[in-house]
Amino acid sequence: THRVIVPVDHELASQESIDLPTLASYPIITYHGGFTGRGTIDKTFDDAGLEPDIVLAALDADVISTYVGLGLGIGIIAEMAFEPSHYQNLTAIPVDHFGRFTSWMAVRDDAEVRQYGRAFMELCQKQFS
């Protein structure tokens, strides 16, 4: 899922949810096309007859968060990309407008998975299951 991120002192920071027209009324910083649900973000606004003001598109949530922190717009990032302890100057607001996405992990049948690889997979299973 996605989160809207804003500076802690932003007028939207106290909101528990944000509707699409409100989102579209702000400058938006989000992912570059083809990454982390950007196509769905664009389609959701288009289906609602809204034209968002995408002022910056980036490949990485850290870049998006940095520019949001500088006050250049509100951000739309993947839920799993927001770690509150890393972004103490930002707050995240849940939004369900853009749906849920699944990440898959695959290993070739003939590949040897080393111990650190298994540990990583177990961490992911615990975190996201």
N, C-alpha and C. Protein backbone atom coordinates (compact mmCIF):
# COMPACT_ATOMS: atom_id res chain seq x y z
N THR A 1 0.85 -1.18 0.00
CA THR A 1 0.00 0.00 0.00
C THR A 1 0.88 1.24 0.00
N HIS A 2 0.28 2.39 -0.10
CA HIS A 2 1.02 3.65 -0.14
C HIS A 2 0.71 4.50 1.08
N ARG A 3 1.57 5.44 1.32
CA ARG A 3 1.40 6.45 2.36
C ARG A 3 1.65 7.81 1.74
N VAL A 4 0.93 8.80 2.23
CA VAL A 4 1.22 10.19 1.89
C VAL A 4 2.13 10.70 3.00
N ILE A 5 3.26 11.28 2.62
CA ILE A 5 4.16 11.83 3.63
C ILE A 5 4.18 13.35 3.51
N VAL A 6 4.18 13.98 4.67
CA VAL A 6 4.21 15.44 4.75
C VAL A 6 5.10 15.83 5.93
N PRO A 7 5.64 17.06 5.92
CA PRO A 7 6.36 17.52 7.10
C PRO A 7 5.43 17.54 8.32
N VAL A 8 5.99 17.35 9.51
CA VAL A 8 5.17 17.27 10.72
C VAL A 8 4.37 18.54 10.98
N ASP A 9 4.82 19.67 10.44
CA ASP A 9 4.10 20.92 10.66
C ASP A 9 3.18 21.29 9.48
N HIS A 10 2.99 20.37 8.55
CA HIS A 10 2.15 20.61 7.37
C HIS A 10 0.67 20.59 7.78
N GLU A 11 -0.17 21.32 7.06
CA GLU A 11 -1.60 21.39 7.39
C GLU A 11 -2.31 20.04 7.27
N LEU A 12 -1.76 19.09 6.50
CA LEU A 12 -2.37 17.76 6.38
C LEU A 12 -1.86 16.78 7.43
N ALA A 13 -0.85 17.15 8.20
CA ALA A 13 -0.19 16.22 9.12
C ALA A 13 -1.13 15.61 10.15
N SER A 14 -2.17 16.31 10.52
CA SER A 14 -3.09 15.79 11.55
C SER A 14 -4.23 14.96 10.96
N GLN A 15 -4.28 14.83 9.64
CA GLN A 15 -5.36 14.08 9.00
C GLN A 15 -5.16 12.58 9.16
N GLU A 16 -6.24 11.86 9.35
CA GLU A 16 -6.18 10.40 9.41
C GLU A 16 -6.34 9.77 8.03
N SER A 17 -6.93 10.51 7.11
CA SER A 17 -7.06 10.06 5.73
C SER A 17 -7.19 11.31 4.85
N ILE A 18 -6.92 11.13 3.57
CA ILE A 18 -6.99 12.25 2.63
C ILE A 18 -7.70 11.75 1.38
N ASP A 19 -8.69 12.51 0.91
CA ASP A 19 -9.39 12.10 -0.30
C ASP A 19 -8.58 12.51 -1.54
N LEU A 20 -8.93 11.93 -2.68
CA LEU A 20 -8.19 12.19 -3.92
C LEU A 20 -8.22 13.65 -4.35
N PRO A 21 -9.37 14.33 -4.31
CA PRO A 21 -9.35 15.74 -4.71
C PRO A 21 -8.40 16.58 -3.86
N THR A 22 -8.33 16.30 -2.57
CA THR A 22 -7.40 17.03 -1.71
C THR A 22 -5.96 16.72 -2.11
N LEU A 23 -5.66 15.44 -2.33
CA LEU A 23 -4.31 15.08 -2.77
C LEU A 23 -3.93 15.81 -4.06
N ALA A 24 -4.85 15.82 -5.00
CA ALA A 24 -4.58 16.43 -6.30
C ALA A 24 -4.38 17.94 -6.21
N SER A 25 -4.81 18.54 -5.11
CA SER A 25 -4.70 20.00 -4.98
C SER A 25 -3.32 20.45 -4.49
N TYR A 26 -2.45 19.51 -4.16
CA TYR A 26 -1.10 19.82 -3.68
C TYR A 26 -0.05 19.40 -4.70
N PRO A 27 1.11 20.06 -4.70
CA PRO A 27 2.21 19.55 -5.52
C PRO A 27 2.64 18.18 -4.97
N ILE A 28 2.83 17.21 -5.85
CA ILE A 28 3.12 15.84 -5.44
C ILE A 28 4.50 15.41 -5.91
N ILE A 29 5.19 14.74 -5.01
CA ILE A 29 6.47 14.12 -5.32
C ILE A 29 6.26 12.62 -5.14
N THR A 30 6.53 11.84 -6.18
CA THR A 30 6.31 10.39 -6.09
C THR A 30 7.28 9.67 -6.99
N TYR A 31 7.02 8.41 -7.21
CA TYR A 31 7.93 7.57 -7.98
C TYR A 31 7.89 7.89 -9.47
N HIS A 32 8.99 7.59 -10.11
CA HIS A 32 9.11 7.68 -11.56
C HIS A 32 8.22 6.61 -12.19
N GLY A 33 7.73 6.84 -13.38
CA GLY A 33 6.89 5.87 -14.07
C GLY A 33 7.53 4.50 -14.12
N GLY A 34 6.73 3.47 -13.88
CA GLY A 34 7.23 2.10 -13.93
C GLY A 34 7.73 1.57 -12.60
N PHE A 35 7.73 2.39 -11.56
CA PHE A 35 8.24 1.97 -10.26
C PHE A 35 7.17 2.06 -9.19
N THR A 36 7.12 1.07 -8.34
CA THR A 36 6.35 1.05 -7.10
C THR A 36 4.93 1.60 -7.24
N GLY A 37 4.24 1.11 -8.25
CA GLY A 37 2.83 1.45 -8.38
C GLY A 37 2.52 2.79 -9.02
N ARG A 38 3.49 3.42 -9.66
CA ARG A 38 3.24 4.74 -10.25
C ARG A 38 2.13 4.68 -11.29
N GLY A 39 2.08 3.61 -12.07
CA GLY A 39 1.02 3.50 -13.08
C GLY A 39 -0.36 3.48 -12.43
N THR A 40 -0.47 2.82 -11.30
CA THR A 40 -1.74 2.76 -10.58
C THR A 40 -2.09 4.12 -9.97
N ILE A 41 -1.08 4.82 -9.48
CA ILE A 41 -1.32 6.17 -8.95
C ILE A 41 -1.88 7.06 -10.05
N ASP A 42 -1.23 7.06 -11.21
CA ASP A 42 -1.70 7.87 -12.34
C ASP A 42 -3.11 7.47 -12.77
N LYS A 43 -3.36 6.16 -12.87
CA LYS A 43 -4.68 5.68 -13.31
C LYS A 43 -5.76 6.05 -12.30
N THR A 44 -5.47 5.98 -11.02
CA THR A 44 -6.46 6.31 -9.99
C THR A 44 -6.90 7.76 -10.12
N PHE A 45 -5.93 8.66 -10.29
CA PHE A 45 -6.28 10.08 -10.48
C PHE A 45 -7.06 10.27 -11.78
N ASP A 46 -6.60 9.62 -12.85
CA ASP A 46 -7.25 9.76 -14.15
C ASP A 46 -8.69 9.25 -14.10
N ASP A 47 -8.90 8.09 -13.47
CA ASP A 47 -10.25 7.53 -13.37
C ASP A 47 -11.19 8.45 -12.58
N ALA A 48 -10.61 9.23 -11.66
CA ALA A 48 -11.42 10.16 -10.87
C ALA A 48 -11.58 11.51 -11.57
N GLY A 49 -11.01 11.63 -12.76
CA GLY A 49 -11.09 12.89 -13.50
C GLY A 49 -10.23 13.99 -12.91
N LEU A 50 -9.15 13.61 -12.24
CA LEU A 50 -8.28 14.58 -11.59
C LEU A 50 -6.91 14.59 -12.26
N GLU A 51 -6.30 15.75 -12.30
CA GLU A 51 -4.97 15.87 -12.87
C GLU A 51 -4.02 16.35 -11.76
N PRO A 52 -3.28 15.41 -11.16
CA PRO A 52 -2.38 15.80 -10.07
C PRO A 52 -1.20 16.62 -10.59
N ASP A 53 -0.66 17.44 -9.73
CA ASP A 53 0.50 18.26 -10.06
C ASP A 53 1.75 17.52 -9.58
N ILE A 54 2.26 16.61 -10.43
CA ILE A 54 3.48 15.86 -10.09
C ILE A 54 4.66 16.78 -10.38
N VAL A 55 5.28 17.30 -9.33
CA VAL A 55 6.37 18.26 -9.50
C VAL A 55 7.73 17.60 -9.58
N LEU A 56 7.81 16.35 -9.09
CA LEU A 56 9.08 15.62 -9.13
C LEU A 56 8.79 14.13 -9.09
N ALA A 57 9.51 13.38 -9.90
CA ALA A 57 9.40 11.93 -9.90
C ALA A 57 10.80 11.37 -9.64
N ALA A 58 10.89 10.43 -8.71
CA ALA A 58 12.18 9.86 -8.33
C ALA A 58 12.10 8.34 -8.31
N LEU A 59 13.26 7.69 -8.31
CA LEU A 59 13.32 6.24 -8.28
C LEU A 59 13.36 5.69 -6.86
N ASP A 60 13.53 6.56 -5.88
CA ASP A 60 13.82 6.11 -4.53
C ASP A 60 13.01 6.90 -3.50
N ALA A 61 12.48 6.19 -2.51
CA ALA A 61 11.68 6.84 -1.46
C ALA A 61 12.51 7.80 -0.61
N ASP A 62 13.81 7.53 -0.45
CA ASP A 62 14.66 8.45 0.30
C ASP A 62 14.77 9.81 -0.39
N VAL A 63 14.86 9.78 -1.71
CA VAL A 63 14.91 11.04 -2.47
C VAL A 63 13.58 11.78 -2.33
N ILE A 64 12.48 11.05 -2.47
CA ILE A 64 11.16 11.65 -2.31
C ILE A 64 11.03 12.27 -0.93
N SER A 65 11.42 11.53 0.10
CA SER A 65 11.32 12.01 1.48
C SER A 65 12.17 13.25 1.72
N THR A 66 13.35 13.28 1.12
CA THR A 66 14.22 14.45 1.27
C THR A 66 13.56 15.70 0.71
N TYR A 67 12.99 15.59 -0.49
CA TYR A 67 12.35 16.76 -1.10
C TYR A 67 11.07 17.16 -0.39
N VAL A 68 10.34 16.18 0.14
CA VAL A 68 9.16 16.51 0.95
C VAL A 68 9.60 17.26 2.20
N GLY A 69 10.66 16.80 2.83
CA GLY A 69 11.20 17.47 4.02
C GLY A 69 11.65 18.89 3.75
N LEU A 70 12.06 19.16 2.52
CA LEU A 70 12.46 20.52 2.13
C LEU A 70 11.28 21.40 1.76
N GLY A 71 10.06 20.82 1.79
CA GLY A 71 8.86 21.61 1.54
C GLY A 71 8.48 21.77 0.08
N LEU A 72 8.99 20.90 -0.79
CA LEU A 72 8.69 21.04 -2.22
C LEU A 72 7.37 20.42 -2.64
N GLY A 73 6.73 19.69 -1.74
CA GLY A 73 5.45 19.07 -2.05
C GLY A 73 5.15 17.98 -1.05
N ILE A 74 4.01 17.30 -1.27
CA ILE A 74 3.69 16.14 -0.45
C ILE A 74 4.16 14.91 -1.20
N GLY A 75 4.46 13.85 -0.49
CA GLY A 75 4.97 12.65 -1.14
C GLY A 75 3.98 11.51 -1.11
N ILE A 76 4.05 10.67 -2.13
CA ILE A 76 3.33 9.41 -2.14
C ILE A 76 4.38 8.33 -2.31
N ILE A 77 4.54 7.50 -1.26
CA ILE A 77 5.55 6.44 -1.29
C ILE A 77 4.94 5.12 -0.83
N ALA A 78 5.67 4.05 -1.06
CA ALA A 78 5.24 2.74 -0.59
C ALA A 78 5.26 2.71 0.93
N GLU A 79 4.27 2.06 1.51
CA GLU A 79 4.16 1.96 2.97
C GLU A 79 5.45 1.42 3.57
N MET A 80 6.01 0.38 2.97
CA MET A 80 7.20 -0.26 3.54
C MET A 80 8.45 0.61 3.45
N ALA A 81 8.39 1.69 2.69
CA ALA A 81 9.56 2.57 2.54
C ALA A 81 9.64 3.63 3.63
N PHE A 82 8.60 3.74 4.45
CA PHE A 82 8.59 4.79 5.48
C PHE A 82 8.95 4.20 6.83
N GLU A 83 10.08 4.62 7.35
CA GLU A 83 10.52 4.22 8.69
C GLU A 83 10.55 5.48 9.55
N PRO A 84 9.60 5.62 10.48
CA PRO A 84 9.49 6.87 11.25
C PRO A 84 10.78 7.32 11.93
N SER A 85 11.60 6.38 12.39
CA SER A 85 12.83 6.78 13.07
C SER A 85 13.83 7.42 12.11
N HIS A 86 13.72 7.13 10.82
CA HIS A 86 14.62 7.74 9.83
C HIS A 86 14.13 9.10 9.36
N TYR A 87 12.84 9.34 9.51
CA TYR A 87 12.22 10.57 9.00
C TYR A 87 11.47 11.26 10.13
N GLN A 88 12.18 11.71 11.11
CA GLN A 88 11.53 12.31 12.28
C GLN A 88 10.86 13.64 11.96
N ASN A 89 11.23 14.26 10.84
CA ASN A 89 10.61 15.53 10.45
C ASN A 89 9.38 15.33 9.57
N LEU A 90 9.03 14.05 9.30
CA LEU A 90 7.89 13.74 8.44
C LEU A 90 6.88 12.88 9.17
N THR A 91 5.65 12.95 8.71
CA THR A 91 4.61 12.05 9.20
C THR A 91 3.97 11.36 8.00
N ALA A 92 3.50 10.14 8.21
CA ALA A 92 2.89 9.36 7.13
C ALA A 92 1.40 9.19 7.40
N ILE A 93 0.62 9.37 6.35
CA ILE A 93 -0.83 9.25 6.44
C ILE A 93 -1.25 8.10 5.53
N PRO A 94 -1.94 7.10 6.08
CA PRO A 94 -2.37 5.97 5.25
C PRO A 94 -3.39 6.40 4.20
N VAL A 95 -3.23 5.87 3.01
CA VAL A 95 -4.22 6.05 1.94
C VAL A 95 -4.45 4.70 1.27
N ASP A 96 -5.69 4.43 0.93
CA ASP A 96 -5.98 3.15 0.28
C ASP A 96 -6.47 3.33 -1.15
N HIS A 97 -6.33 4.54 -1.67
CA HIS A 97 -6.82 4.85 -3.01
C HIS A 97 -6.11 4.05 -4.11
N PHE A 98 -4.86 3.67 -3.85
CA PHE A 98 -4.02 3.11 -4.90
C PHE A 98 -3.87 1.60 -4.83
N GLY A 99 -4.62 0.95 -3.94
CA GLY A 99 -4.63 -0.51 -3.86
C GLY A 99 -3.45 -1.09 -3.10
N ARG A 100 -3.40 -2.41 -3.13
CA ARG A 100 -2.33 -3.16 -2.45
C ARG A 100 -1.47 -3.84 -3.50
N PHE A 101 -0.20 -3.95 -3.21
CA PHE A 101 0.74 -4.59 -4.12
C PHE A 101 1.45 -5.71 -3.38
N THR A 102 1.85 -6.72 -4.11
CA THR A 102 2.55 -7.86 -3.53
C THR A 102 3.97 -7.90 -4.08
N SER A 103 4.92 -8.12 -3.19
CA SER A 103 6.31 -8.33 -3.60
C SER A 103 6.58 -9.82 -3.54
N TRP A 104 7.29 -10.31 -4.52
CA TRP A 104 7.62 -11.72 -4.59
C TRP A 104 9.12 -11.91 -4.49
N MET A 105 9.50 -13.01 -3.90
CA MET A 105 10.89 -13.38 -3.82
C MET A 105 11.02 -14.75 -4.48
N ALA A 106 11.95 -14.89 -5.41
CA ALA A 106 12.11 -16.14 -6.12
C ALA A 106 13.57 -16.58 -6.08
N VAL A 107 13.74 -17.88 -6.06
CA VAL A 107 15.08 -18.48 -6.09
C VAL A 107 15.05 -19.56 -7.16
N ARG A 108 16.07 -19.55 -8.00
CA ARG A 108 16.15 -20.59 -9.04
C ARG A 108 16.27 -21.97 -8.39
N ASP A 109 15.68 -22.97 -9.03
CA ASP A 109 15.72 -24.34 -8.51
C ASP A 109 17.14 -24.85 -8.35
N ASP A 110 18.03 -24.45 -9.25
CA ASP A 110 19.40 -24.96 -9.22
C ASP A 110 20.36 -24.05 -8.46
N ALA A 111 19.82 -23.05 -7.76
CA ALA A 111 20.68 -22.12 -7.03
C ALA A 111 20.88 -22.58 -5.59
N GLU A 112 22.09 -22.37 -5.11
CA GLU A 112 22.37 -22.65 -3.71
C GLU A 112 22.12 -21.36 -2.93
N VAL A 113 21.26 -21.44 -1.95
CA VAL A 113 20.95 -20.27 -1.13
C VAL A 113 21.84 -20.33 0.11
N ARG A 114 22.67 -19.33 0.25
CA ARG A 114 23.59 -19.29 1.39
C ARG A 114 22.84 -18.91 2.66
N GLN A 115 23.52 -19.08 3.78
CA GLN A 115 22.89 -18.85 5.08
C GLN A 115 22.34 -17.44 5.21
N TYR A 116 23.09 -16.43 4.75
CA TYR A 116 22.60 -15.06 4.86
C TYR A 116 21.38 -14.83 3.98
N GLY A 117 21.29 -15.55 2.86
CA GLY A 117 20.11 -15.46 2.01
C GLY A 117 18.89 -16.05 2.68
N ARG A 118 19.08 -17.19 3.33
CA ARG A 118 17.98 -17.80 4.07
C ARG A 118 17.53 -16.90 5.22
N ALA A 119 18.50 -16.31 5.92
CA ALA A 119 18.17 -15.41 7.03
C ALA A 119 17.36 -14.21 6.52
N PHE A 120 17.75 -13.67 5.37
CA PHE A 120 17.02 -12.55 4.78
C PHE A 120 15.59 -12.96 4.44
N MET A 121 15.42 -14.12 3.84
CA MET A 121 14.08 -14.58 3.48
C MET A 121 13.21 -14.78 4.73
N GLU A 122 13.80 -15.32 5.78
CA GLU A 122 13.05 -15.51 7.03
C GLU A 122 12.63 -14.17 7.64
N LEU A 123 13.53 -13.19 7.59
CA LEU A 123 13.17 -11.86 8.08
C LEU A 123 12.00 -11.28 7.31
N CYS A 124 12.05 -11.43 6.00
CA CYS A 124 10.96 -10.92 5.16
C CYS A 124 9.65 -11.63 5.46
N GLN A 125 9.70 -12.94 5.65
CA GLN A 125 8.49 -13.69 5.96
C GLN A 125 7.87 -13.22 7.26
N LYS A 126 8.71 -12.98 8.27
CA LYS A 126 8.21 -12.53 9.56
C LYS A 126 7.62 -11.13 9.46
N GLN A 127 8.30 -10.27 8.72
CA GLN A 127 7.88 -8.87 8.63
C GLN A 127 6.59 -8.69 7.84
N PHE A 128 6.44 -9.45 6.75
CA PHE A 128 5.36 -9.16 5.82
C PHE A 128 4.26 -10.22 5.77
N SER A 129 4.34 -11.22 6.61
CA SER A 129 3.28 -12.23 6.56
C SER A 129 2.23 -11.99 7.62
